[in-house]
Amino acid sequence: MADRTLKGSRIGSTSLQGETGVELSPRRKVEYVTDKGVVFSVVFDADAEPPPEWIDQRSGEIGFLDDEAGRTARAELEAKENSQRTPWDMLIERRTRDELEELLAERLKLLRARRGTTEQ
């Protein structure tokens, strides 16, 4: 066992194997464009299909491919953002504005009674 150990090696140290005979797979750069017009590139394997959207590591914005898949992904994201319902939208779906005003008046009356104050 002692004849196999390497002196000076430790956990997390770099490999002692050289790069001779190592062939990297072919790669390609894919460019993405953000809404602000910032162009950034990401390196993918040559055989991999790049996703239509990618987040820029520097700005944190979403970039889209400048092709049909990218335009489709951008349209889907915009439709999703526009269709998100807020809590107010959900409340208005359940109650009318008059019902909400009436409920508010009742709750205020109850709170004022608890505190011992009268309506103004």
PDB file of N, CA and C in Angstrom:
ATOM      1  N   MET A   1       0.824  -1.188   0.000  1.00  0.00           N
ATOM      2  CA  MET A   1       0.000   0.000   0.000  1.00  0.00           C
ATOM      3  C   MET A   1       0.864   1.245   0.000  1.00  0.00           C
ATOM      4  N   ALA A   2       1.959   1.214   0.739  1.00  0.00           N
ATOM      5  CA  ALA A   2       2.814   2.382   0.851  1.00  0.00           C
ATOM      6  C   ALA A   2       3.506   2.698  -0.469  1.00  0.00           C
ATOM      7  N   ASP A   3       3.715   1.686  -1.315  1.00  0.00           N
ATOM      8  CA  ASP A   3       4.399   1.962  -2.580  1.00  0.00           C
ATOM      9  C   ASP A   3       3.488   2.632  -3.610  1.00  0.00           C
ATOM     10  N   ARG A   4       2.151   2.682  -3.383  1.00  0.00           N
ATOM     11  CA  ARG A   4       1.212   3.304  -4.310  1.00  0.00           C
ATOM     12  C   ARG A   4       0.905   4.754  -3.977  1.00  0.00           C
ATOM     13  N   THR A   5       1.195   5.197  -2.801  1.00  0.00           N
ATOM     14  CA  THR A   5       0.857   6.565  -2.416  1.00  0.00           C
ATOM     15  C   THR A   5       1.809   7.548  -3.070  1.00  0.00           C
ATOM     16  N   LEU A   6       1.289   8.727  -3.374  1.00  0.00           N
ATOM     17  CA  LEU A   6       2.106   9.773  -3.962  1.00  0.00           C
ATOM     18  C   LEU A   6       2.440  10.778  -2.884  1.00  0.00           C
ATOM     19  N   LYS A   7       3.687  11.074  -2.734  1.00  0.00           N
ATOM     20  CA  LYS A   7       4.081  12.041  -1.731  1.00  0.00           C
ATOM     21  C   LYS A   7       3.655  13.434  -2.177  1.00  0.00           C
ATOM     22  N   GLY A   8       3.139  14.207  -1.265  1.00  0.00           N
ATOM     23  CA  GLY A   8       2.735  15.580  -1.555  1.00  0.00           C
ATOM     24  C   GLY A   8       1.346  15.709  -2.148  1.00  0.00           C
ATOM     25  N   SER A   9       0.651  14.617  -2.341  1.00  0.00           N
ATOM     26  CA  SER A   9      -0.709  14.735  -2.879  1.00  0.00           C
ATOM     27  C   SER A   9      -1.686  14.890  -1.731  1.00  0.00           C
ATOM     28  N   ARG A  10      -2.782  15.548  -2.022  1.00  0.00           N
ATOM     29  CA  ARG A  10      -3.808  15.765  -0.997  1.00  0.00           C
ATOM     30  C   ARG A  10      -5.180  15.723  -1.656  1.00  0.00           C
ATOM     31  N   ILE A  11      -6.187  15.689  -0.847  1.00  0.00           N
ATOM     32  CA  ILE A  11      -7.555  15.684  -1.365  1.00  0.00           C
ATOM     33  C   ILE A  11      -7.819  17.025  -2.034  1.00  0.00           C
ATOM     34  N   GLY A  12      -8.354  17.001  -3.222  1.00  0.00           N
ATOM     35  CA  GLY A  12      -8.662  18.224  -3.940  1.00  0.00           C
ATOM     36  C   GLY A  12      -7.512  18.762  -4.757  1.00  0.00           C
ATOM     37  N   SER A  13      -6.407  18.045  -4.801  1.00  0.00           N
ATOM     38  CA  SER A  13      -5.271  18.531  -5.586  1.00  0.00           C
ATOM     39  C   SER A  13      -5.537  18.290  -7.064  1.00  0.00           C
ATOM     40  N   THR A  14      -4.764  18.917  -7.899  1.00  0.00           N
ATOM     41  CA  THR A  14      -4.950  18.765  -9.332  1.00  0.00           C
ATOM     42  C   THR A  14      -4.485  17.396  -9.784  1.00  0.00           C
ATOM     43  N   SER A  15      -4.996  16.995 -10.918  1.00  0.00           N
ATOM     44  CA  SER A  15      -4.648  15.682 -11.458  1.00  0.00           C
ATOM     45  C   SER A  15      -3.211  15.679 -11.950  1.00  0.00           C
ATOM     46  N   LEU A  16      -2.540  14.569 -11.790  1.00  0.00           N
ATOM     47  CA  LEU A  16      -1.170  14.431 -12.260  1.00  0.00           C
ATOM     48  C   LEU A  16      -1.125  13.884 -13.680  1.00  0.00           C
ATOM     49  N   GLN A  17      -2.299  13.599 -14.249  1.00  0.00           N
ATOM     50  CA  GLN A  17      -2.368  13.078 -15.605  1.00  0.00           C
ATOM     51  C   GLN A  17      -2.309  14.244 -16.587  1.00  0.00           C
ATOM     52  N   GLY A  18      -1.528  14.132 -17.605  1.00  0.00           N
ATOM     53  CA  GLY A  18      -1.386  15.192 -18.596  1.00  0.00           C
ATOM     54  C   GLY A  18      -2.531  15.200 -19.588  1.00  0.00           C
ATOM     55  N   GLU A  19      -2.530  16.197 -20.470  1.00  0.00           N
ATOM     56  CA  GLU A  19      -3.588  16.311 -21.462  1.00  0.00           C
ATOM     57  C   GLU A  19      -3.208  15.681 -22.788  1.00  0.00           C
ATOM     58  N   THR A  20      -2.136  14.952 -22.822  1.00  0.00           N
ATOM     59  CA  THR A  20      -1.740  14.303 -24.069  1.00  0.00           C
ATOM     60  C   THR A  20      -2.726  13.192 -24.393  1.00  0.00           C
ATOM     61  N   GLY A  21      -3.142  13.158 -25.641  1.00  0.00           N
ATOM     62  CA  GLY A  21      -4.070  12.112 -26.069  1.00  0.00           C
ATOM     63  C   GLY A  21      -5.520  12.420 -25.756  1.00  0.00           C
ATOM     64  N   VAL A  22      -5.817  13.579 -25.183  1.00  0.00           N
ATOM     65  CA  VAL A  22      -7.194  13.944 -24.851  1.00  0.00           C
ATOM     66  C   VAL A  22      -7.763  14.757 -26.004  1.00  0.00           C
ATOM     67  N   GLU A  23      -8.905  14.329 -26.525  1.00  0.00           N
ATOM     68  CA  GLU A  23      -9.543  15.054 -27.619  1.00  0.00           C
ATOM     69  C   GLU A  23     -10.900  15.556 -27.140  1.00  0.00           C
ATOM     70  N   LEU A  24     -11.074  16.863 -27.132  1.00  0.00           N
ATOM     71  CA  LEU A  24     -12.333  17.458 -26.697  1.00  0.00           C
ATOM     72  C   LEU A  24     -13.378  17.320 -27.789  1.00  0.00           C
ATOM     73  N   SER A  25     -14.615  17.233 -27.391  1.00  0.00           N
ATOM     74  CA  SER A  25     -15.693  17.131 -28.377  1.00  0.00           C
ATOM     75  C   SER A  25     -15.851  18.472 -29.092  1.00  0.00           C
ATOM     76  N   PRO A  26     -16.326  18.455 -30.325  1.00  0.00           N
ATOM     77  CA  PRO A  26     -16.492  19.713 -31.055  1.00  0.00           C
ATOM     78  C   PRO A  26     -17.553  20.586 -30.402  1.00  0.00           C
ATOM     79  N   ARG A  27     -17.305  21.891 -30.408  1.00  0.00           N
ATOM     80  CA  ARG A  27     -18.206  22.835 -29.760  1.00  0.00           C
ATOM     81  C   ARG A  27     -18.572  23.934 -30.738  1.00  0.00           C
ATOM     82  N   ARG A  28     -19.635  24.673 -30.377  1.00  0.00           N
ATOM     83  CA  ARG A  28     -20.035  25.824 -31.179  1.00  0.00           C
ATOM     84  C   ARG A  28     -20.605  26.901 -30.264  1.00  0.00           C
ATOM     85  N   LYS A  29     -20.442  28.150 -30.682  1.00  0.00           N
ATOM     86  CA  LYS A  29     -20.980  29.283 -29.929  1.00  0.00           C
ATOM     87  C   LYS A  29     -22.364  29.622 -30.470  1.00  0.00           C
ATOM     88  N   VAL A  30     -23.293  29.856 -29.546  1.00  0.00           N
ATOM     89  CA  VAL A  30     -24.646  30.251 -29.916  1.00  0.00           C
ATOM     90  C   VAL A  30     -24.900  31.620 -29.314  1.00  0.00           C
ATOM     91  N   GLU A  31     -25.406  32.545 -30.117  1.00  0.00           N
ATOM     92  CA  GLU A  31     -25.641  33.910 -29.648  1.00  0.00           C
ATOM     93  C   GLU A  31     -27.102  34.095 -29.261  1.00  0.00           C
ATOM     94  N   TYR A  32     -27.290  34.801 -28.149  1.00  0.00           N
ATOM     95  CA  TYR A  32     -28.612  35.149 -27.645  1.00  0.00           C
ATOM     96  C   TYR A  32     -28.709  36.668 -27.567  1.00  0.00           C
ATOM     97  N   VAL A  33     -29.930  37.197 -27.720  1.00  0.00           N
ATOM     98  CA  VAL A  33     -30.157  38.638 -27.681  1.00  0.00           C
ATOM     99  C   VAL A  33     -31.216  38.928 -26.618  1.00  0.00           C
ATOM    100  N   THR A  34     -30.919  39.892 -25.718  1.00  0.00           N
ATOM    101  CA  THR A  34     -31.883  40.292 -24.688  1.00  0.00           C
ATOM    102  C   THR A  34     -32.815  41.360 -25.247  1.00  0.00           C
ATOM    103  N   ASP A  35     -33.829  41.732 -24.475  1.00  0.00           N
ATOM    104  CA  ASP A  35     -34.764  42.781 -24.891  1.00  0.00           C
ATOM    105  C   ASP A  35     -34.074  44.128 -25.058  1.00  0.00           C
ATOM    106  N   LYS A  36     -32.998  44.338 -24.311  1.00  0.00           N
ATOM    107  CA  LYS A  36     -32.263  45.598 -24.406  1.00  0.00           C
ATOM    108  C   LYS A  36     -31.262  45.604 -25.557  1.00  0.00           C
ATOM    109  N   GLY A  37     -31.178  44.515 -26.300  1.00  0.00           N
ATOM    110  CA  GLY A  37     -30.276  44.441 -27.441  1.00  0.00           C
ATOM    111  C   GLY A  37     -28.888  43.942 -27.112  1.00  0.00           C
ATOM    112  N   VAL A  38     -28.666  43.484 -25.892  1.00  0.00           N
ATOM    113  CA  VAL A  38     -27.358  42.956 -25.495  1.00  0.00           C
ATOM    114  C   VAL A  38     -27.202  41.558 -26.091  1.00  0.00           C
ATOM    115  N   VAL A  39     -26.101  41.347 -26.774  1.00  0.00           N
ATOM    116  CA  VAL A  39     -25.817  40.051 -27.388  1.00  0.00           C
ATOM    117  C   VAL A  39     -24.767  39.340 -26.534  1.00  0.00           C
ATOM    118  N   PHE A  40     -25.056  38.094 -26.171  1.00  0.00           N
ATOM    119  CA  PHE A  40     -24.079  37.281 -25.447  1.00  0.00           C
ATOM    120  C   PHE A  40     -24.068  35.890 -26.050  1.00  0.00           C
ATOM    121  N   SER A  41     -22.965  35.188 -25.883  1.00  0.00           N
ATOM    122  CA  SER A  41     -22.840  33.870 -26.492  1.00  0.00           C
ATOM    123  C   SER A  41     -22.603  32.812 -25.423  1.00  0.00           C
ATOM    124  N   VAL A  42     -23.070  31.617 -25.744  1.00  0.00           N
ATOM    125  CA  VAL A  42     -22.937  30.459 -24.858  1.00  0.00           C
ATOM    126  C   VAL A  42     -22.364  29.331 -25.705  1.00  0.00           C
ATOM    127  N   VAL A  43     -21.423  28.580 -25.145  1.00  0.00           N
ATOM    128  CA  VAL A  43     -20.794  27.479 -25.869  1.00  0.00           C
ATOM    129  C   VAL A  43     -21.540  26.182 -25.555  1.00  0.00           C
ATOM    130  N   PHE A  44     -21.929  25.474 -26.627  1.00  0.00           N
ATOM    131  CA  PHE A  44     -22.617  24.191 -26.506  1.00  0.00           C
ATOM    132  C   PHE A  44     -21.854  23.142 -27.298  1.00  0.00           C
ATOM    133  N   ASP A  45     -22.159  21.896 -27.027  1.00  0.00           N
ATOM    134  CA  ASP A  45     -21.641  20.801 -27.826  1.00  0.00           C
ATOM    135  C   ASP A  45     -22.187  20.959 -29.246  1.00  0.00           C
ATOM    136  N   ALA A  46     -21.414  20.556 -30.246  1.00  0.00           N
ATOM    137  CA  ALA A  46     -21.826  20.740 -31.632  1.00  0.00           C
ATOM    138  C   ALA A  46     -23.100  19.965 -31.950  1.00  0.00           C
ATOM    139  N   ASP A  47     -23.331  18.849 -31.275  1.00  0.00           N
ATOM    140  CA  ASP A  47     -24.518  18.033 -31.548  1.00  0.00           C
ATOM    141  C   ASP A  47     -25.732  18.455 -30.739  1.00  0.00           C
ATOM    142  N   ALA A  48     -25.538  19.269 -29.711  1.00  0.00           N
ATOM    143  CA  ALA A  48     -26.646  19.648 -28.825  1.00  0.00           C
ATOM    144  C   ALA A  48     -27.524  20.710 -29.483  1.00  0.00           C
ATOM    145  N   GLU A  49     -28.814  20.588 -29.253  1.00  0.00           N
ATOM    146  CA  GLU A  49     -29.742  21.600 -29.747  1.00  0.00           C
ATOM    147  C   GLU A  49     -29.849  22.690 -28.684  1.00  0.00           C
ATOM    148  N   PRO A  50     -29.513  23.934 -29.027  1.00  0.00           N
ATOM    149  CA  PRO A  50     -29.546  24.995 -28.012  1.00  0.00           C
ATOM    150  C   PRO A  50     -30.979  25.353 -27.630  1.00  0.00           C
ATOM    151  N   PRO A  51     -31.224  25.652 -26.352  1.00  0.00           N
ATOM    152  CA  PRO A  51     -32.575  26.043 -25.938  1.00  0.00           C
ATOM    153  C   PRO A  51     -32.913  27.418 -26.514  1.00  0.00           C
ATOM    154  N   PRO A  52     -34.199  27.697 -26.749  1.00  0.00           N
ATOM    155  CA  PRO A  52     -34.583  28.977 -27.349  1.00  0.00           C
ATOM    156  C   PRO A  52     -34.352  30.183 -26.443  1.00  0.00           C
ATOM    157  N   GLU A  53     -34.206  29.955 -25.128  1.00  0.00           N
ATOM    158  CA  GLU A  53     -33.952  31.068 -24.212  1.00  0.00           C
ATOM    159  C   GLU A  53     -32.846  30.686 -23.236  1.00  0.00           C
ATOM    160  N   TRP A  54     -32.091  31.701 -22.793  1.00  0.00           N
ATOM    161  CA  TRP A  54     -30.973  31.476 -21.880  1.00  0.00           C
ATOM    162  C   TRP A  54     -30.802  32.736 -21.043  1.00  0.00           C
ATOM    163  N   ILE A  55     -30.427  32.588 -19.782  1.00  0.00           N
ATOM    164  CA  ILE A  55     -30.253  33.740 -18.901  1.00  0.00           C
ATOM    165  C   ILE A  55     -28.811  34.230 -18.988  1.00  0.00           C
ATOM    166  N   ASP A  56     -28.649  35.527 -19.236  1.00  0.00           N
ATOM    167  CA  ASP A  56     -27.332  36.145 -19.303  1.00  0.00           C
ATOM    168  C   ASP A  56     -26.729  36.168 -17.902  1.00  0.00           C
ATOM    169  N   GLN A  57     -25.528  35.624 -17.753  1.00  0.00           N
ATOM    170  CA  GLN A  57     -24.890  35.535 -16.438  1.00  0.00           C
ATOM    171  C   GLN A  57     -24.471  36.901 -15.912  1.00  0.00           C
ATOM    172  N   ARG A  58     -24.223  37.858 -16.778  1.00  0.00           N
ATOM    173  CA  ARG A  58     -23.780  39.179 -16.330  1.00  0.00           C
ATOM    174  C   ARG A  58     -24.929  40.055 -15.881  1.00  0.00           C
ATOM    175  N   SER A  59     -25.996  40.114 -16.668  1.00  0.00           N
ATOM    176  CA  SER A  59     -27.086  41.032 -16.347  1.00  0.00           C
ATOM    177  C   SER A  59     -28.279  40.344 -15.692  1.00  0.00           C
ATOM    178  N   GLY A  60     -28.410  39.034 -15.840  1.00  0.00           N
ATOM    179  CA  GLY A  60     -29.540  38.313 -15.273  1.00  0.00           C
ATOM    180  C   GLY A  60     -30.790  38.392 -16.141  1.00  0.00           C
ATOM    181  N   GLU A  61     -30.681  38.998 -17.323  1.00  0.00           N
ATOM    182  CA  GLU A  61     -31.827  39.100 -18.228  1.00  0.00           C
ATOM    183  C   GLU A  61     -31.951  37.830 -19.062  1.00  0.00           C
ATOM    184  N   ILE A  62     -33.147  37.619 -19.580  1.00  0.00           N
ATOM    185  CA  ILE A  62     -33.382  36.465 -20.438  1.00  0.00           C
ATOM    186  C   ILE A  62     -33.048  36.849 -21.871  1.00  0.00           C
ATOM    187  N   GLY A  63     -32.220  36.036 -22.508  1.00  0.00           N
ATOM    188  CA  GLY A  63     -31.877  36.234 -23.907  1.00  0.00           C
ATOM    189  C   GLY A  63     -32.561  35.172 -24.749  1.00  0.00           C
ATOM    190  N   PHE A  64     -32.887  35.528 -25.989  1.00  0.00           N
ATOM    191  CA  PHE A  64     -33.572  34.610 -26.885  1.00  0.00           C
ATOM    192  C   PHE A  64     -32.747  34.428 -28.148  1.00  0.00           C
ATOM    193  N   LEU A  65     -32.861  33.251 -28.762  1.00  0.00           N
ATOM    194  CA  LEU A  65     -32.208  33.012 -30.042  1.00  0.00           C
ATOM    195  C   LEU A  65     -32.798  33.946 -31.081  1.00  0.00           C
ATOM    196  N   ASP A  66     -32.009  34.310 -32.055  1.00  0.00           N
ATOM    197  CA  ASP A  66     -32.500  35.180 -33.118  1.00  0.00           C
ATOM    198  C   ASP A  66     -32.964  34.323 -34.301  1.00  0.00           C
ATOM    199  N   ASP A  67     -33.920  33.440 -34.035  1.00  0.00           N
ATOM    200  CA  ASP A  67     -34.516  32.617 -35.084  1.00  0.00           C
ATOM    201  C   ASP A  67     -35.974  32.350 -34.718  1.00  0.00           C
ATOM    202  N   GLU A  68     -36.616  31.464 -35.423  1.00  0.00           N
ATOM    203  CA  GLU A  68     -38.049  31.208 -35.207  1.00  0.00           C
ATOM    204  C   GLU A  68     -38.317  30.651 -33.811  1.00  0.00           C
ATOM    205  N   ALA A  69     -37.467  29.743 -33.330  1.00  0.00           N
ATOM    206  CA  ALA A  69     -37.653  29.174 -31.988  1.00  0.00           C
ATOM    207  C   ALA A  69     -37.526  30.258 -30.923  1.00  0.00           C
ATOM    208  N   GLY A  70     -36.586  31.179 -31.095  1.00  0.00           N
ATOM    209  CA  GLY A  70     -36.408  32.274 -30.143  1.00  0.00           C
ATOM    210  C   GLY A  70     -37.590  33.220 -30.138  1.00  0.00           C
ATOM    211  N   ARG A  71     -38.123  33.542 -31.326  1.00  0.00           N
ATOM    212  CA  ARG A  71     -39.299  34.425 -31.399  1.00  0.00           C
ATOM    213  C   ARG A  71     -40.516  33.770 -30.762  1.00  0.00           C
ATOM    214  N   THR A  72     -40.667  32.457 -30.960  1.00  0.00           N
ATOM    215  CA  THR A  72     -41.778  31.733 -30.334  1.00  0.00           C
ATOM    216  C   THR A  72     -41.644  31.738 -28.818  1.00  0.00           C
ATOM    217  N   ALA A  73     -40.440  31.502 -28.307  1.00  0.00           N
ATOM    218  CA  ALA A  73     -40.218  31.498 -26.852  1.00  0.00           C
ATOM    219  C   ALA A  73     -40.479  32.879 -26.267  1.00  0.00           C
ATOM    220  N   ARG A  74     -40.067  33.931 -26.977  1.00  0.00           N
ATOM    221  CA  ARG A  74     -40.301  35.298 -26.497  1.00  0.00           C
ATOM    222  C   ARG A  74     -41.804  35.600 -26.429  1.00  0.00           C
ATOM    223  N   ALA A  75     -42.546  35.177 -27.452  1.00  0.00           N
ATOM    224  CA  ALA A  75     -44.005  35.401 -27.477  1.00  0.00           C
ATOM    225  C   ALA A  75     -44.689  34.643 -26.342  1.00  0.00           C
ATOM    226  N   GLU A  76     -44.239  33.416 -26.069  1.00  0.00           N
ATOM    227  CA  GLU A  76     -44.823  32.630 -24.978  1.00  0.00           C
ATOM    228  C   GLU A  76     -44.557  33.283 -23.633  1.00  0.00           C
ATOM    229  N   LEU A  77     -43.343  33.812 -23.438  1.00  0.00           N
ATOM    230  CA  LEU A  77     -43.008  34.470 -22.175  1.00  0.00           C
ATOM    231  C   LEU A  77     -43.849  35.728 -21.980  1.00  0.00           C
ATOM    232  N   GLU A  78     -44.014  36.520 -23.033  1.00  0.00           N
ATOM    233  CA  GLU A  78     -44.828  37.732 -22.932  1.00  0.00           C
ATOM    234  C   GLU A  78     -46.293  37.396 -22.653  1.00  0.00           C
ATOM    235  N   ALA A  79     -46.815  36.347 -23.287  1.00  0.00           N
ATOM    236  CA  ALA A  79     -48.199  35.940 -23.047  1.00  0.00           C
ATOM    237  C   ALA A  79     -48.378  35.464 -21.610  1.00  0.00           C
ATOM    238  N   LYS A  80     -47.371  34.751 -21.090  1.00  0.00           N
ATOM    239  CA  LYS A  80     -47.439  34.262 -19.716  1.00  0.00           C
ATOM    240  C   LYS A  80     -47.424  35.426 -18.725  1.00  0.00           C
ATOM    241  N   GLU A  81     -46.562  36.429 -18.981  1.00  0.00           N
ATOM    242  CA  GLU A  81     -46.484  37.581 -18.083  1.00  0.00           C
ATOM    243  C   GLU A  81     -47.784  38.380 -18.100  1.00  0.00           C
ATOM    244  N   ASN A  82     -48.396  38.505 -19.263  1.00  0.00           N
ATOM    245  CA  ASN A  82     -49.634  39.276 -19.367  1.00  0.00           C
ATOM    246  C   ASN A  82     -50.833  38.551 -18.781  1.00  0.00           C
ATOM    247  N   SER A  83     -50.777  37.213 -18.735  1.00  0.00           N
ATOM    248  CA  SER A  83     -51.924  36.460 -18.266  1.00  0.00           C
ATOM    249  C   SER A  83     -51.883  36.159 -16.769  1.00  0.00           C
ATOM    250  N   GLN A  84     -50.852  36.584 -16.060  1.00  0.00           N
ATOM    251  CA  GLN A  84     -50.776  36.294 -14.633  1.00  0.00           C
ATOM    252  C   GLN A  84     -51.802  37.125 -13.875  1.00  0.00           C
ATOM    253  N   ARG A  85     -52.561  36.441 -13.043  1.00  0.00           N
ATOM    254  CA  ARG A  85     -53.594  37.111 -12.266  1.00  0.00           C
ATOM    255  C   ARG A  85     -53.030  37.553 -10.926  1.00  0.00           C
ATOM    256  N   THR A  86     -53.408  38.737 -10.525  1.00  0.00           N
ATOM    257  CA  THR A  86     -53.005  39.259  -9.224  1.00  0.00           C
ATOM    258  C   THR A  86     -54.071  38.877  -8.203  1.00  0.00           C
ATOM    259  N   PRO A  87     -53.773  38.992  -6.919  1.00  0.00           N
ATOM    260  CA  PRO A  87     -54.802  38.732  -5.908  1.00  0.00           C
ATOM    261  C   PRO A  87     -56.014  39.646  -6.079  1.00  0.00           C
ATOM    262  N   TRP A  88     -55.781  40.884  -6.507  1.00  0.00           N
ATOM    263  CA  TRP A  88     -56.909  41.800  -6.726  1.00  0.00           C
ATOM    264  C   TRP A  88     -57.809  41.277  -7.855  1.00  0.00           C
ATOM    265  N   ASP A  89     -57.224  40.761  -8.936  1.00  0.00           N
ATOM    266  CA  ASP A  89     -58.009  40.210 -10.043  1.00  0.00           C
ATOM    267  C   ASP A  89     -58.868  39.045  -9.562  1.00  0.00           C
ATOM    268  N   MET A  90     -58.300  38.182  -8.737  1.00  0.00           N
ATOM    269  CA  MET A  90     -59.060  37.035  -8.235  1.00  0.00           C
ATOM    270  C   MET A  90     -60.176  37.480  -7.299  1.00  0.00           C
ATOM    271  N   LEU A  91     -59.937  38.532  -6.523  1.00  0.00           N
ATOM    272  CA  LEU A  91     -60.967  39.046  -5.619  1.00  0.00           C
ATOM    273  C   LEU A  91     -62.127  39.651  -6.409  1.00  0.00           C
ATOM    274  N   ILE A  92     -61.813  40.402  -7.434  1.00  0.00           N
ATOM    275  CA  ILE A  92     -62.850  41.025  -8.252  1.00  0.00           C
ATOM    276  C   ILE A  92     -63.672  39.972  -8.994  1.00  0.00           C
ATOM    277  N   GLU A  93     -63.093  38.818  -9.282  1.00  0.00           N
ATOM    278  CA  GLU A  93     -63.843  37.734  -9.920  1.00  0.00           C
ATOM    279  C   GLU A  93     -64.911  37.169  -8.979  1.00  0.00           C
ATOM    280  N   ARG A  94     -64.642  37.201  -7.679  1.00  0.00           N
ATOM    281  CA  ARG A  94     -65.575  36.608  -6.704  1.00  0.00           C
ATOM    282  C   ARG A  94     -66.603  37.592  -6.176  1.00  0.00           C
ATOM    283  N   ARG A  95     -66.255  38.870  -6.075  1.00  0.00           N
ATOM    284  CA  ARG A  95     -67.135  39.871  -5.462  1.00  0.00           C
ATOM    285  C   ARG A  95     -67.223  41.106  -6.343  1.00  0.00           C
ATOM    286  N   THR A  96     -68.357  41.796  -6.230  1.00  0.00           N
ATOM    287  CA  THR A  96     -68.482  43.074  -6.926  1.00  0.00           C
ATOM    288  C   THR A  96     -67.874  44.158  -6.047  1.00  0.00           C
ATOM    289  N   ARG A  97     -67.662  45.304  -6.649  1.00  0.00           N
ATOM    290  CA  ARG A  97     -67.073  46.420  -5.906  1.00  0.00           C
ATOM    291  C   ARG A  97     -68.002  46.866  -4.772  1.00  0.00           C
ATOM    292  N   ASP A  98     -69.321  46.863  -5.010  1.00  0.00           N
ATOM    293  CA  ASP A  98     -70.290  47.247  -3.968  1.00  0.00           C
ATOM    294  C   ASP A  98     -70.243  46.273  -2.784  1.00  0.00           C
ATOM    295  N   GLU A  99     -70.139  44.972  -3.069  1.00  0.00           N
ATOM    296  CA  GLU A  99     -70.038  43.992  -1.992  1.00  0.00           C
ATOM    297  C   GLU A  99     -68.764  44.198  -1.170  1.00  0.00           C
ATOM    298  N   LEU A 100     -67.678  44.519  -1.839  1.00  0.00           N
ATOM    299  CA  LEU A 100     -66.431  44.766  -1.132  1.00  0.00           C
ATOM    300  C   LEU A 100     -66.513  46.006  -0.245  1.00  0.00           C
ATOM    301  N   GLU A 101     -67.167  47.048  -0.739  1.00  0.00           N
ATOM    302  CA  GLU A 101     -67.347  48.271   0.064  1.00  0.00           C
ATOM    303  C   GLU A 101     -68.185  47.966   1.311  1.00  0.00           C
ATOM    304  N   GLU A 102     -69.219  47.151   1.143  1.00  0.00           N
ATOM    305  CA  GLU A 102     -70.086  46.787   2.266  1.00  0.00           C
ATOM    306  C   GLU A 102     -69.316  45.959   3.293  1.00  0.00           C
ATOM    307  N   LEU A 103     -68.524  44.982   2.830  1.00  0.00           N
ATOM    308  CA  LEU A 103     -67.714  44.175   3.743  1.00  0.00           C
ATOM    309  C   LEU A 103     -66.690  45.022   4.491  1.00  0.00           C
ATOM    310  N   LEU A 104     -66.084  45.974   3.804  1.00  0.00           N
ATOM    311  CA  LEU A 104     -65.123  46.862   4.437  1.00  0.00           C
ATOM    312  C   LEU A 104     -65.781  47.687   5.527  1.00  0.00           C
ATOM    313  N   ALA A 105     -66.961  48.209   5.252  1.00  0.00           N
ATOM    314  CA  ALA A 105     -67.672  49.011   6.253  1.00  0.00           C
ATOM    315  C   ALA A 105     -68.014  48.166   7.486  1.00  0.00           C
ATOM    316  N   GLU A 106     -68.448  46.926   7.272  1.00  0.00           N
ATOM    317  CA  GLU A 106     -68.768  46.032   8.395  1.00  0.00           C
ATOM    318  C   GLU A 106     -67.524  45.745   9.242  1.00  0.00           C
ATOM    319  N   ARG A 107     -66.407  45.437   8.589  1.00  0.00           N
ATOM    320  CA  ARG A 107     -65.190  45.118   9.324  1.00  0.00           C
ATOM    321  C   ARG A 107     -64.659  46.332  10.094  1.00  0.00           C
ATOM    322  N   LEU A 108     -64.732  47.508   9.482  1.00  0.00           N
ATOM    323  CA  LEU A 108     -64.291  48.714  10.179  1.00  0.00           C
ATOM    324  C   LEU A 108     -65.158  48.990  11.401  1.00  0.00           C
ATOM    325  N   LYS A 109     -66.457  48.769  11.258  1.00  0.00           N
ATOM    326  CA  LYS A 109     -67.386  48.972  12.373  1.00  0.00           C
ATOM    327  C   LYS A 109     -67.044  48.007  13.515  1.00  0.00           C
ATOM    328  N   LEU A 110     -66.760  46.744  13.166  1.00  0.00           N
ATOM    329  CA  LEU A 110     -66.401  45.738  14.170  1.00  0.00           C
ATOM    330  C   LEU A 110     -65.083  46.106  14.861  1.00  0.00           C
ATOM    331  N   LEU A 111     -64.089  46.536  14.111  1.00  0.00           N
ATOM    332  CA  LEU A 111     -62.802  46.919  14.700  1.00  0.00           C
ATOM    333  C   LEU A 111     -62.943  48.135  15.613  1.00  0.00           C
ATOM    334  N   ARG A 112     -63.712  49.108  15.192  1.00  0.00           N
ATOM    335  CA  ARG A 112     -63.907  50.302  16.007  1.00  0.00           C
ATOM    336  C   ARG A 112     -64.657  49.962  17.294  1.00  0.00           C
ATOM    337  N   ALA A 113     -65.595  49.017  17.230  1.00  0.00           N
ATOM    338  CA  ALA A 113     -66.328  48.601  18.428  1.00  0.00           C
ATOM    339  C   ALA A 113     -65.384  47.910  19.421  1.00  0.00           C
ATOM    340  N   ARG A 114     -64.450  47.107  18.905  1.00  0.00           N
ATOM    341  CA  ARG A 114     -63.489  46.437  19.772  1.00  0.00           C
ATOM    342  C   ARG A 114     -62.565  47.415  20.465  1.00  0.00           C
ATOM    343  N   ARG A 115     -62.163  48.451  19.743  1.00  0.00           N
ATOM    344  CA  ARG A 115     -61.241  49.429  20.301  1.00  0.00           C
ATOM    345  C   ARG A 115     -61.958  50.440  21.192  1.00  0.00           C
ATOM    346  N   GLY A 116     -63.244  50.493  21.077  1.00  0.00           N
ATOM    347  CA  GLY A 116     -63.996  51.435  21.886  1.00  0.00           C
ATOM    348  C   GLY A 116     -64.083  52.824  21.283  1.00  0.00           C
ATOM    349  N   THR A 117     -63.810  52.932  20.017  1.00  0.00           N
ATOM    350  CA  THR A 117     -63.941  54.221  19.356  1.00  0.00           C
ATOM    351  C   THR A 117     -65.224  54.244  18.555  1.00  0.00           C
ATOM    352  N   THR A 118     -65.699  55.427  18.315  1.00  0.00           N
ATOM    353  CA  THR A 118     -66.934  55.569  17.526  1.00  0.00           C
ATOM    354  C   THR A 118     -66.579  55.958  16.117  1.00  0.00           C
ATOM    355  N   GLU A 119     -67.560  55.770  15.226  1.00  0.00           N
ATOM    356  CA  GLU A 119     -67.350  56.155  13.833  1.00  0.00           C
ATOM    357  C   GLU A 119     -67.255  57.645  13.717  1.00  0.00           C
ATOM    358  N   GLN A 120     -66.494  58.106  12.772  1.00  0.00           N
ATOM    359  CA  GLN A 120     -66.322  59.537  12.601  1.00  0.00           C
ATOM    360  C   GLN A 120     -67.247  60.064  11.547  1.00  0.00           C
TER     361      GLN A 120
END
